[in-house]
């Protein structure tokens, strides 16, 4: 059943037409391209963008599908068009996501004694296993990180940044991901602010301020950490939830770190044993 809501400007930061134009620009689609792909007429899309016509809920859904919008942005588009949002945003600690939370806990626990994290779309560390906590504290000389955000940890000179032997390689990959996310999700102003914050840190190469469309992601990025003569080398795997129907699950992923060599594996085991 279509749940129509009263049009209130406070429900959305931009009318539906402005949002569609912003997303079309991000996807490099003309009105004709978007209309053809969504199965509607160019005239109708033009009228929707200018406010001369009301898009049906089904039309909004087809436009969102064509634009490959994440669930949060699909909700925003529905609100801007005058409809109730379709996708809930449920906290991980609620009974509705109890099974998902158990799955996350299991993956994090199984990764011991190596680090594993639950991270959202803004690189906030929502959960971490004890292996991650032990490695972080070792690298920081026994003190906890000042940040609960992985980008800030790697870009703050007083945090993990000083312990990353190949910092420019790892941080450059983070910046590439942030640039890609900002370009692909134009309404995510928090991500843009995080990118600007990272770029403003001292020692950041000026070339990182511009998105490099020719840059190719590394097939296997190794993070090399070092402290007091100990070197730890990790590569990571990413786990996401398939076909999520909840905003929270759509925006999180699990990052598991694996040792690149036996020395790293042995040191992680020693840390777990209290060494």
C-alpha atoms as a PDB file:
ATOM      1  CA  UNK A   1       0.000   0.000   0.000  1.00  0.00           C
ATOM      2  CA  UNK A   2       1.365   3.450  -0.920  1.00  0.00           C
ATOM      3  CA  UNK A   3       1.893   5.358   2.284  1.00  0.00           C
ATOM      4  CA  UNK A   4       1.530   8.992   1.228  1.00  0.00           C
ATOM      5  CA  UNK A   5       2.702  11.697   3.578  1.00  0.00           C
ATOM      6  CA  UNK A   6       2.071  15.407   3.739  1.00  0.00           C
ATOM      7  CA  UNK A   7       4.624  17.481   1.866  1.00  0.00           C
ATOM      8  CA  UNK A   8       6.753  19.168   4.499  1.00  0.00           C
ATOM      9  CA  UNK A   9      10.005  20.901   3.493  1.00  0.00           C
ATOM     10  CA  UNK A  10      11.727  19.671   6.667  1.00  0.00           C
ATOM     11  CA  UNK A  11      11.443  16.035   5.568  1.00  0.00           C
ATOM     12  CA  UNK A  12      14.075  16.393   2.864  1.00  0.00           C
ATOM     13  CA  UNK A  13      16.972  18.744   2.309  1.00  0.00           C
ATOM     14  CA  UNK A  14      16.137  19.055  -1.401  1.00  0.00           C
ATOM     15  CA  UNK A  15      13.052  18.602  -3.611  1.00  0.00           C
ATOM     16  CA  UNK A  16      12.909  15.515  -5.764  1.00  0.00           C
ATOM     17  CA  UNK A  17      13.973  17.365  -8.912  1.00  0.00           C
ATOM     18  CA  UNK A  18      17.142  18.731  -7.346  1.00  0.00           C
ATOM     19  CA  UNK A  19      18.046  15.303  -5.996  1.00  0.00           C
ATOM     20  CA  UNK A  20      17.499  13.647  -9.380  1.00  0.00           C
ATOM     21  CA  UNK A  21      19.650  16.225 -11.146  1.00  0.00           C
ATOM     22  CA  UNK A  22      22.405  15.787  -8.561  1.00  0.00           C
ATOM     23  CA  UNK A  23      22.385  12.017  -8.931  1.00  0.00           C
ATOM     24  CA  UNK A  24      22.193  12.204 -12.738  1.00  0.00           C
ATOM     25  CA  UNK A  25      25.291  14.389 -12.720  1.00  0.00           C
ATOM     26  CA  UNK A  26      27.114  11.953 -10.431  1.00  0.00           C
ATOM     27  CA  UNK A  27      26.227   9.043 -12.719  1.00  0.00           C
ATOM     28  CA  UNK A  28      26.944  11.121 -15.858  1.00  0.00           C
ATOM     29  CA  UNK A  29      23.476  10.499 -17.254  1.00  0.00           C
ATOM     30  CA  UNK A  30      21.422  12.878 -19.370  1.00  0.00           C
ATOM     31  CA  UNK A  31      17.664  13.120 -18.911  1.00  0.00           C
ATOM     32  CA  UNK A  32      17.306  10.977 -22.019  1.00  0.00           C
ATOM     33  CA  UNK A  33      19.713   8.332 -20.685  1.00  0.00           C
ATOM     34  CA  UNK A  34      17.931   8.101 -17.332  1.00  0.00           C
ATOM     35  CA  UNK A  35      14.446   8.117 -18.848  1.00  0.00           C
ATOM     36  CA  UNK A  36      15.248   5.339 -21.319  1.00  0.00           C
ATOM     37  CA  UNK A  37      16.925   3.167 -18.682  1.00  0.00           C
ATOM     38  CA  UNK A  38      14.053   3.682 -16.215  1.00  0.00           C
ATOM     39  CA  UNK A  39      11.370   3.038 -18.818  1.00  0.00           C
ATOM     40  CA  UNK A  40       9.659   6.438 -18.660  1.00  0.00           C
ATOM     41  CA  UNK A  41       9.329   9.284 -21.130  1.00  0.00           C
ATOM     42  CA  UNK A  42      11.872  12.080 -21.215  1.00  0.00           C
ATOM     43  CA  UNK A  43       9.010  14.593 -21.022  1.00  0.00           C
ATOM     44  CA  UNK A  44       7.679  13.034 -17.814  1.00  0.00           C
ATOM     45  CA  UNK A  45      11.156  12.978 -16.228  1.00  0.00           C
ATOM     46  CA  UNK A  46      11.638  16.612 -17.198  1.00  0.00           C
ATOM     47  CA  UNK A  47       8.308  17.529 -15.607  1.00  0.00           C
ATOM     48  CA  UNK A  48       9.221  15.614 -12.436  1.00  0.00           C
ATOM     49  CA  UNK A  49      12.546  17.435 -12.194  1.00  0.00           C
ATOM     50  CA  UNK A  50      10.902  20.841 -12.670  1.00  0.00           C
ATOM     51  CA  UNK A  51       8.029  20.074 -10.302  1.00  0.00           C
ATOM     52  CA  UNK A  52       5.358  20.176 -13.015  1.00  0.00           C
ATOM     53  CA  UNK A  53       4.461  16.506 -12.502  1.00  0.00           C
ATOM     54  CA  UNK A  54       4.186  14.125  -9.564  1.00  0.00           C
ATOM     55  CA  UNK A  55       6.133  10.869  -9.930  1.00  0.00           C
ATOM     56  CA  UNK A  56       4.392   7.722  -8.747  1.00  0.00           C
ATOM     57  CA  UNK A  57       6.046   5.627  -6.065  1.00  0.00           C
ATOM     58  CA  UNK A  58       6.850   2.981  -8.677  1.00  0.00           C
ATOM     59  CA  UNK A  59       8.498   5.574 -10.916  1.00  0.00           C
ATOM     60  CA  UNK A  60      10.616   6.829  -8.028  1.00  0.00           C
ATOM     61  CA  UNK A  61      11.696   3.255  -7.296  1.00  0.00           C
ATOM     62  CA  UNK A  62      12.656   2.669 -10.941  1.00  0.00           C
ATOM     63  CA  UNK A  63      14.656   5.899 -11.030  1.00  0.00           C
ATOM     64  CA  UNK A  64      16.464   4.916  -7.826  1.00  0.00           C
ATOM     65  CA  UNK A  65      17.246   1.483  -9.278  1.00  0.00           C
ATOM     66  CA  UNK A  66      18.635   3.010 -12.449  1.00  0.00           C
ATOM     67  CA  UNK A  67      20.743   5.475 -10.466  1.00  0.00           C
ATOM     68  CA  UNK A  68      21.997   2.618  -8.220  1.00  0.00           C
ATOM     69  CA  UNK A  69      21.194   4.606  -5.098  1.00  0.00           C
ATOM     70  CA  UNK A  70      22.009   3.149  -1.665  1.00  0.00           C
ATOM     71  CA  UNK A  71      19.063   2.485   0.628  1.00  0.00           C
ATOM     72  CA  UNK A  72      19.480   5.669   2.684  1.00  0.00           C
ATOM     73  CA  UNK A  73      19.410   7.802  -0.454  1.00  0.00           C
ATOM     74  CA  UNK A  74      16.421   5.872  -1.820  1.00  0.00           C
ATOM     75  CA  UNK A  75      14.526   6.795   1.337  1.00  0.00           C
ATOM     76  CA  UNK A  76      15.520  10.438   0.873  1.00  0.00           C
ATOM     77  CA  UNK A  77      14.288  10.392  -2.725  1.00  0.00           C
ATOM     78  CA  UNK A  78      10.957   8.886  -1.660  1.00  0.00           C
ATOM     79  CA  UNK A  79      10.558  11.555   1.033  1.00  0.00           C
ATOM     80  CA  UNK A  80      11.357  14.310  -1.446  1.00  0.00           C
ATOM     81  CA  UNK A  81       8.723  12.898  -3.804  1.00  0.00           C
ATOM     82  CA  UNK A  82       6.099  12.900  -1.041  1.00  0.00           C
ATOM     83  CA  UNK A  83       6.155   9.223  -0.007  1.00  0.00           C
ATOM     84  CA  UNK A  84       7.036   7.415   3.179  1.00  0.00           C
ATOM     85  CA  UNK A  85      10.470   5.779   3.206  1.00  0.00           C
ATOM     86  CA  UNK A  86      10.624   2.103   2.280  1.00  0.00           C
ATOM     87  CA  UNK A  87      13.672   0.872   4.158  1.00  0.00           C
ATOM     88  CA  UNK A  88      14.015   0.848   7.957  1.00  0.00           C
ATOM     89  CA  UNK A  89      17.194   1.835   9.773  1.00  0.00           C
ATOM     90  CA  UNK A  90      17.551  -0.512  12.724  1.00  0.00           C
ATOM     91  CA  UNK A  91      20.218  -0.363  15.417  1.00  0.00           C
ATOM     92  CA  UNK A  92      22.384  -3.473  15.606  1.00  0.00           C
ATOM     93  CA  UNK A  93      21.483  -3.976  19.254  1.00  0.00           C
ATOM     94  CA  UNK A  94      17.748  -4.325  18.650  1.00  0.00           C
ATOM     95  CA  UNK A  95      15.932  -7.697  18.583  1.00  0.00           C
ATOM     96  CA  UNK A  96      15.098  -7.251  14.876  1.00  0.00           C
ATOM     97  CA  UNK A  97      18.782  -7.631  13.951  1.00  0.00           C
ATOM     98  CA  UNK A  98      19.692 -10.159  16.646  1.00  0.00           C
ATOM     99  CA  UNK A  99      20.553 -12.863  14.098  1.00  0.00           C
ATOM    100  CA  UNK A 100      22.742 -10.471  12.117  1.00  0.00           C
ATOM    101  CA  UNK A 101      24.485  -9.303  15.281  1.00  0.00           C
ATOM    102  CA  UNK A 102      25.227 -12.928  16.207  1.00  0.00           C
ATOM    103  CA  UNK A 103      26.692 -13.504  12.750  1.00  0.00           C
ATOM    104  CA  UNK A 104      28.898 -10.417  13.122  1.00  0.00           C
ATOM    105  CA  UNK A 105      30.034 -11.489  16.596  1.00  0.00           C
ATOM    106  CA  UNK A 106      30.880 -14.943  15.245  1.00  0.00           C
ATOM    107  CA  UNK A 107      32.981 -13.610  12.359  1.00  0.00           C
ATOM    108  CA  UNK A 108      34.872 -11.210  14.634  1.00  0.00           C
ATOM    109  CA  UNK A 109      35.528 -13.954  17.204  1.00  0.00           C
ATOM    110  CA  UNK A 110      36.647 -16.479  14.582  1.00  0.00           C
ATOM    111  CA  UNK A 111      39.255 -14.046  13.298  1.00  0.00           C
ATOM    112  CA  UNK A 112      41.211 -14.202  16.573  1.00  0.00           C
ATOM    113  CA  UNK A 113      44.057 -13.673  17.207  1.00  0.00           C
ATOM    114  CA  UNK A 114      44.125 -11.447  14.122  1.00  0.00           C
ATOM    115  CA  UNK A 115      42.334  -8.081  13.855  1.00  0.00           C
ATOM    116  CA  UNK A 116      38.780  -7.715  12.569  1.00  0.00           C
ATOM    117  CA  UNK A 117      36.463  -4.693  12.489  1.00  0.00           C
ATOM    118  CA  UNK A 118      32.867  -3.779  11.737  1.00  0.00           C
ATOM    119  CA  UNK A 119      32.978  -0.504   9.800  1.00  0.00           C
ATOM    120  CA  UNK A 120      30.256   1.768   8.417  1.00  0.00           C
ATOM    121  CA  UNK A 121      30.284   3.831   5.217  1.00  0.00           C
ATOM    122  CA  UNK A 122      32.123   6.681   6.965  1.00  0.00           C
ATOM    123  CA  UNK A 123      34.897   4.361   8.193  1.00  0.00           C
ATOM    124  CA  UNK A 124      33.683   4.536  11.798  1.00  0.00           C
ATOM    125  CA  UNK A 125      34.755   1.422  13.713  1.00  0.00           C
ATOM    126  CA  UNK A 126      31.498   0.166  15.227  1.00  0.00           C
ATOM    127  CA  UNK A 127      32.933  -3.053  16.643  1.00  0.00           C
ATOM    128  CA  UNK A 128      36.372  -4.636  16.867  1.00  0.00           C
ATOM    129  CA  UNK A 129      37.626  -7.945  18.157  1.00  0.00           C
ATOM    130  CA  UNK A 130      40.260  -8.292  20.870  1.00  0.00           C
ATOM    131  CA  UNK A 131      42.924  -9.010  18.277  1.00  0.00           C
ATOM    132  CA  UNK A 132      42.368  -5.542  16.801  1.00  0.00           C
ATOM    133  CA  UNK A 133      42.506  -3.947  20.230  1.00  0.00           C
ATOM    134  CA  UNK A 134      45.759  -5.746  21.111  1.00  0.00           C
ATOM    135  CA  UNK A 135      47.504  -4.780  17.861  1.00  0.00           C
ATOM    136  CA  UNK A 136      46.351  -1.152  18.162  1.00  0.00           C
ATOM    137  CA  UNK A 137      47.547  -0.861  21.755  1.00  0.00           C
ATOM    138  CA  UNK A 138      50.892  -2.450  20.894  1.00  0.00           C
ATOM    139  CA  UNK A 139      51.422  -0.009  18.036  1.00  0.00           C
ATOM    140  CA  UNK A 140      50.415   2.940  20.243  1.00  0.00           C
ATOM    141  CA  UNK A 141      52.639   1.956  23.155  1.00  0.00           C
ATOM    142  CA  UNK A 142      49.835   0.722  25.375  1.00  0.00           C
ATOM    143  CA  UNK A 143      47.457   3.664  24.949  1.00  0.00           C
ATOM    144  CA  UNK A 144      44.115   3.445  23.137  1.00  0.00           C
ATOM    145  CA  UNK A 145      43.529   5.205  19.842  1.00  0.00           C
ATOM    146  CA  UNK A 146      42.189   8.739  20.095  1.00  0.00           C
ATOM    147  CA  UNK A 147      39.730   8.046  17.276  1.00  0.00           C
ATOM    148  CA  UNK A 148      36.939   5.574  16.585  1.00  0.00           C
ATOM    149  CA  UNK A 149      37.315   6.227  12.864  1.00  0.00           C
ATOM    150  CA  UNK A 150      39.833   4.355  10.730  1.00  0.00           C
ATOM    151  CA  UNK A 151      40.590   7.269   8.393  1.00  0.00           C
ATOM    152  CA  UNK A 152      41.354   9.531  11.351  1.00  0.00           C
ATOM    153  CA  UNK A 153      43.525   6.815  12.926  1.00  0.00           C
ATOM    154  CA  UNK A 154      45.618   6.515   9.768  1.00  0.00           C
ATOM    155  CA  UNK A 155      45.853  10.260   9.027  1.00  0.00           C
ATOM    156  CA  UNK A 156      46.447  11.663  12.533  1.00  0.00           C
ATOM    157  CA  UNK A 157      50.232  11.946  13.075  1.00  0.00           C
ATOM    158  CA  UNK A 158      49.667  11.241  16.791  1.00  0.00           C
ATOM    159  CA  UNK A 159      47.717   8.049  16.132  1.00  0.00           C
ATOM    160  CA  UNK A 160      48.427   4.924  14.037  1.00  0.00           C
ATOM    161  CA  UNK A 161      49.890   6.928  11.165  1.00  0.00           C
ATOM    162  CA  UNK A 162      53.337   6.955  12.782  1.00  0.00           C
ATOM    163  CA  UNK A 163      53.293   3.135  12.945  1.00  0.00           C
ATOM    164  CA  UNK A 164      52.447   2.507   9.282  1.00  0.00           C
ATOM    165  CA  UNK A 165      55.665   1.759   7.408  1.00  0.00           C
ATOM    166  CA  UNK A 166      54.007   2.054   3.986  1.00  0.00           C
ATOM    167  CA  UNK A 167      51.745   4.940   5.011  1.00  0.00           C
ATOM    168  CA  UNK A 168      51.641   6.712   1.648  1.00  0.00           C
ATOM    169  CA  UNK A 169      50.520   3.517  -0.109  1.00  0.00           C
ATOM    170  CA  UNK A 170      47.819   2.677   2.460  1.00  0.00           C
ATOM    171  CA  UNK A 171      46.608   6.242   2.977  1.00  0.00           C
ATOM    172  CA  UNK A 172      46.558   6.840  -0.770  1.00  0.00           C
ATOM    173  CA  UNK A 173      44.250   3.847  -1.175  1.00  0.00           C
ATOM    174  CA  UNK A 174      41.972   5.226   1.550  1.00  0.00           C
ATOM    175  CA  UNK A 175      41.830   8.587  -0.201  1.00  0.00           C
ATOM    176  CA  UNK A 176      40.990   6.858  -3.489  1.00  0.00           C
ATOM    177  CA  UNK A 177      38.099   5.029  -1.824  1.00  0.00           C
ATOM    178  CA  UNK A 178      36.864   8.263  -0.217  1.00  0.00           C
ATOM    179  CA  UNK A 179      37.024  10.143  -3.531  1.00  0.00           C
ATOM    180  CA  UNK A 180      35.111   7.321  -5.231  1.00  0.00           C
ATOM    181  CA  UNK A 181      32.463   7.252  -2.502  1.00  0.00           C
ATOM    182  CA  UNK A 182      31.955  11.033  -2.584  1.00  0.00           C
ATOM    183  CA  UNK A 183      31.654  10.964  -6.374  1.00  0.00           C
ATOM    184  CA  UNK A 184      29.232   8.016  -6.321  1.00  0.00           C
ATOM    185  CA  UNK A 185      27.108   9.345  -3.440  1.00  0.00           C
ATOM    186  CA  UNK A 186      26.809  13.115  -3.971  1.00  0.00           C
ATOM    187  CA  UNK A 187      24.385  13.648  -1.068  1.00  0.00           C
ATOM    188  CA  UNK A 188      26.742  12.138   1.537  1.00  0.00           C
ATOM    189  CA  UNK A 189      28.070  15.375   2.997  1.00  0.00           C
ATOM    190  CA  UNK A 190      29.632  13.593   5.998  1.00  0.00           C
ATOM    191  CA  UNK A 191      31.888  11.620   3.665  1.00  0.00           C
ATOM    192  CA  UNK A 192      32.912  14.822   1.875  1.00  0.00           C
ATOM    193  CA  UNK A 193      33.743  16.423   5.237  1.00  0.00           C
ATOM    194  CA  UNK A 194      35.842  13.394   6.216  1.00  0.00           C
ATOM    195  CA  UNK A 195      37.712  13.574   2.906  1.00  0.00           C
ATOM    196  CA  UNK A 196      38.410  17.286   3.402  1.00  0.00           C
ATOM    197  CA  UNK A 197      39.572  16.631   6.966  1.00  0.00           C
ATOM    198  CA  UNK A 198      41.982  13.915   5.845  1.00  0.00           C
ATOM    199  CA  UNK A 199      43.361  16.069   3.026  1.00  0.00           C
ATOM    200  CA  UNK A 200      43.994  18.923   5.487  1.00  0.00           C
ATOM    201  CA  UNK A 201      46.312  16.801   7.636  1.00  0.00           C
ATOM    202  CA  UNK A 202      50.046  17.667   7.491  1.00  0.00           C
ATOM    203  CA  UNK A 203      52.197  15.823   5.000  1.00  0.00           C
ATOM    204  CA  UNK A 204      49.345  14.812   2.700  1.00  0.00           C
ATOM    205  CA  UNK A 205      50.485  14.971  -0.963  1.00  0.00           C
ATOM    206  CA  UNK A 206      48.827  17.783  -2.892  1.00  0.00           C
ATOM    207  CA  UNK A 207      47.989  15.415  -5.766  1.00  0.00           C
ATOM    208  CA  UNK A 208      45.517  13.589  -3.508  1.00  0.00           C
ATOM    209  CA  UNK A 209      43.220  16.618  -3.502  1.00  0.00           C
ATOM    210  CA  UNK A 210      41.943  15.639  -6.928  1.00  0.00           C
ATOM    211  CA  UNK A 211      40.337  12.336  -7.835  1.00  0.00           C
ATOM    212  CA  UNK A 212      42.578  10.315 -10.114  1.00  0.00           C
ATOM    213  CA  UNK A 213      40.288   8.494 -12.551  1.00  0.00           C
ATOM    214  CA  UNK A 214      43.251   6.639 -14.053  1.00  0.00           C
ATOM    215  CA  UNK A 215      44.334   5.125 -10.741  1.00  0.00           C
ATOM    216  CA  UNK A 216      43.946   1.363 -10.577  1.00  0.00           C
ATOM    217  CA  UNK A 217      43.271  -0.257  -7.199  1.00  0.00           C
ATOM    218  CA  UNK A 218      45.962  -2.578  -5.928  1.00  0.00           C
ATOM    219  CA  UNK A 219      44.997  -6.261  -6.345  1.00  0.00           C
ATOM    220  CA  UNK A 220      46.308  -6.973  -2.833  1.00  0.00           C
ATOM    221  CA  UNK A 221      47.165  -4.097  -0.513  1.00  0.00           C
ATOM    222  CA  UNK A 222      49.487  -4.982   2.357  1.00  0.00           C
ATOM    223  CA  UNK A 223      49.467  -2.836   5.495  1.00  0.00           C
ATOM    224  CA  UNK A 224      52.866  -2.876   7.188  1.00  0.00           C
ATOM    225  CA  UNK A 225      52.932  -1.835  10.858  1.00  0.00           C
ATOM    226  CA  UNK A 226      56.137  -1.424  12.826  1.00  0.00           C
ATOM    227  CA  UNK A 227      57.164  -0.586  16.379  1.00  0.00           C
ATOM    228  CA  UNK A 228      60.232  -1.312  18.517  1.00  0.00           C
ATOM    229  CA  UNK A 229      61.790  -3.554  15.889  1.00  0.00           C
ATOM    230  CA  UNK A 230      58.599  -5.585  15.360  1.00  0.00           C
ATOM    231  CA  UNK A 231      57.014  -5.561  11.907  1.00  0.00           C
ATOM    232  CA  UNK A 232      53.465  -6.798  11.303  1.00  0.00           C
ATOM    233  CA  UNK A 233      52.234  -7.329   7.754  1.00  0.00           C
ATOM    234  CA  UNK A 234      48.523  -7.815   6.995  1.00  0.00           C
ATOM    235  CA  UNK A 235      46.195  -8.078   4.019  1.00  0.00           C
ATOM    236  CA  UNK A 236      42.441  -7.650   4.383  1.00  0.00           C
ATOM    237  CA  UNK A 237      39.211  -9.222   3.169  1.00  0.00           C
ATOM    238  CA  UNK A 238      35.844  -7.462   3.134  1.00  0.00           C
ATOM    239  CA  UNK A 239      32.508  -9.111   4.010  1.00  0.00           C
ATOM    240  CA  UNK A 240      29.188  -7.418   3.214  1.00  0.00           C
ATOM    241  CA  UNK A 241      25.555  -8.451   3.642  1.00  0.00           C
ATOM    242  CA  UNK A 242      23.885  -9.749   0.491  1.00  0.00           C
ATOM    243  CA  UNK A 243      20.768  -7.886  -0.724  1.00  0.00           C
ATOM    244  CA  UNK A 244      20.165  -5.981   2.529  1.00  0.00           C
ATOM    245  CA  UNK A 245      16.706  -4.549   3.211  1.00  0.00           C
ATOM    246  CA  UNK A 246      17.799  -2.366   6.114  1.00  0.00           C
ATOM    247  CA  UNK A 247      19.833   0.858   5.927  1.00  0.00           C
ATOM    248  CA  UNK A 248      22.149  -0.229   8.743  1.00  0.00           C
ATOM    249  CA  UNK A 249      23.091  -3.500   7.047  1.00  0.00           C
ATOM    250  CA  UNK A 250      23.452  -1.762   3.681  1.00  0.00           C
ATOM    251  CA  UNK A 251      26.081   0.580   5.108  1.00  0.00           C
ATOM    252  CA  UNK A 252      28.348  -1.753   7.098  1.00  0.00           C
ATOM    253  CA  UNK A 253      31.050  -4.228   6.203  1.00  0.00           C
ATOM    254  CA  UNK A 254      33.399  -6.491   8.125  1.00  0.00           C
ATOM    255  CA  UNK A 255      37.127  -6.149   7.493  1.00  0.00           C
ATOM    256  CA  UNK A 256      39.260  -9.123   8.511  1.00  0.00           C
ATOM    257  CA  UNK A 257      43.057  -8.812   8.612  1.00  0.00           C
ATOM    258  CA  UNK A 258      45.202 -11.851   7.812  1.00  0.00           C
ATOM    259  CA  UNK A 259      48.954 -12.226   8.426  1.00  0.00           C
ATOM    260  CA  UNK A 260      51.205 -12.116   5.364  1.00  0.00           C
ATOM    261  CA  UNK A 261      53.929 -14.159   7.063  1.00  0.00           C
ATOM    262  CA  UNK A 262      54.582 -16.454   9.996  1.00  0.00           C
ATOM    263  CA  UNK A 263      56.371 -13.709  11.933  1.00  0.00           C
ATOM    264  CA  UNK A 264      53.187 -11.628  11.948  1.00  0.00           C
ATOM    265  CA  UNK A 265      51.056 -14.636  12.874  1.00  0.00           C
ATOM    266  CA  UNK A 266      53.414 -15.557  15.702  1.00  0.00           C
ATOM    267  CA  UNK A 267      53.474 -12.070  17.129  1.00  0.00           C
ATOM    268  CA  UNK A 268      49.658 -11.892  17.093  1.00  0.00           C
ATOM    269  CA  UNK A 269      49.547 -15.204  18.973  1.00  0.00           C
ATOM    270  CA  UNK A 270      52.096 -13.905  21.465  1.00  0.00           C
ATOM    271  CA  UNK A 271      50.039 -10.764  22.082  1.00  0.00           C
ATOM    272  CA  UNK A 272      46.973 -12.963  22.693  1.00  0.00           C
ATOM    273  CA  UNK A 273      48.973 -15.007  25.201  1.00  0.00           C
ATOM    274  CA  UNK A 274      49.947 -11.851  27.064  1.00  0.00           C
ATOM    275  CA  UNK A 275      53.404 -11.550  25.565  1.00  0.00           C
END
